[in-house]
Amino acid sequence: MPSQKSKKRLTSKIIEANDEKKTTPRTAKIVLFVFGVGPLILMCVFLFSNGFFNAP
């Protein structure tokens, strides 16, 4: 029986730890910008630097 009580205590600690790491809309927007728009900007810079958009 004591092992069951310790399992309940561990789950409550895990739940409390998850409450501390909440995703806010601001952090979600930053992550979407970095991983969504960031690579597109880097690809455009790379293509411009290699002359991809220059007329032959």
Protein backbone atom coordinates (compact mmCIF):
# COMPACT_ATOMS: atom_id res chain seq x y z
CA MET A 1 0.00 0.00 0.00
CA PRO A 2 2.76 2.57 0.65
CA SER A 3 3.96 2.27 -2.95
CA GLN A 4 0.57 3.45 -4.22
CA LYS A 5 0.72 6.55 -2.05
CA SER A 6 4.16 7.47 -3.38
CA LYS A 7 2.93 7.11 -6.97
CA LYS A 8 0.16 9.59 -6.29
CA ARG A 9 2.65 12.06 -4.88
CA LEU A 10 4.88 11.73 -7.94
CA THR A 11 2.01 12.41 -10.34
CA SER A 12 1.05 15.54 -8.42
CA LYS A 13 4.62 16.81 -8.72
CA ILE A 14 4.59 16.18 -12.47
CA ILE A 15 1.32 18.07 -12.85
CA GLU A 16 2.72 21.00 -10.88
CA ALA A 17 5.85 21.05 -13.08
CA ASN A 18 3.71 21.13 -16.23
CA ASP A 19 1.72 24.08 -14.91
CA GLU A 20 4.89 26.16 -14.71
CA LYS A 21 5.74 25.70 -18.40
CA LYS A 22 2.71 27.23 -20.08
CA THR A 23 2.87 28.44 -23.67
CA THR A 24 1.81 32.04 -24.04
CA PRO A 25 0.59 33.53 -27.32
CA ARG A 26 3.68 35.72 -27.47
CA THR A 27 6.11 32.79 -27.32
CA ALA A 28 4.01 30.88 -29.85
CA LYS A 29 4.23 33.79 -32.29
CA ILE A 30 7.99 34.02 -31.84
CA VAL A 31 8.43 30.29 -32.48
CA LEU A 32 6.22 30.42 -35.58
CA PHE A 33 8.17 33.38 -36.93
CA VAL A 34 11.59 31.84 -36.33
CA PHE A 35 10.76 28.41 -37.75
CA GLY A 36 8.23 29.52 -40.38
CA VAL A 37 9.36 32.82 -41.86
CA GLY A 38 13.04 32.59 -40.91
CA PRO A 39 13.96 29.79 -43.33
CA LEU A 40 12.11 31.54 -46.16
CA ILE A 41 14.11 34.71 -45.58
CA LEU A 42 17.36 32.75 -45.46
CA MET A 43 16.52 30.97 -48.73
CA CYS A 44 15.78 34.28 -50.46
CA VAL A 45 19.04 35.79 -49.22
CA PHE A 46 20.95 32.71 -50.44
CA LEU A 47 19.32 32.83 -53.87
CA PHE A 48 19.93 36.58 -54.23
CA SER A 49 23.59 36.15 -53.26
CA ASN A 50 24.05 33.43 -55.92
CA GLY A 51 22.42 35.55 -58.65
CA PHE A 52 19.33 33.38 -59.08
CA PHE A 53 17.01 36.36 -59.70
CA ASN A 54 19.33 38.19 -62.13
CA ALA A 55 18.28 38.23 -65.78
CA PRO A 56 20.67 36.30 -68.08
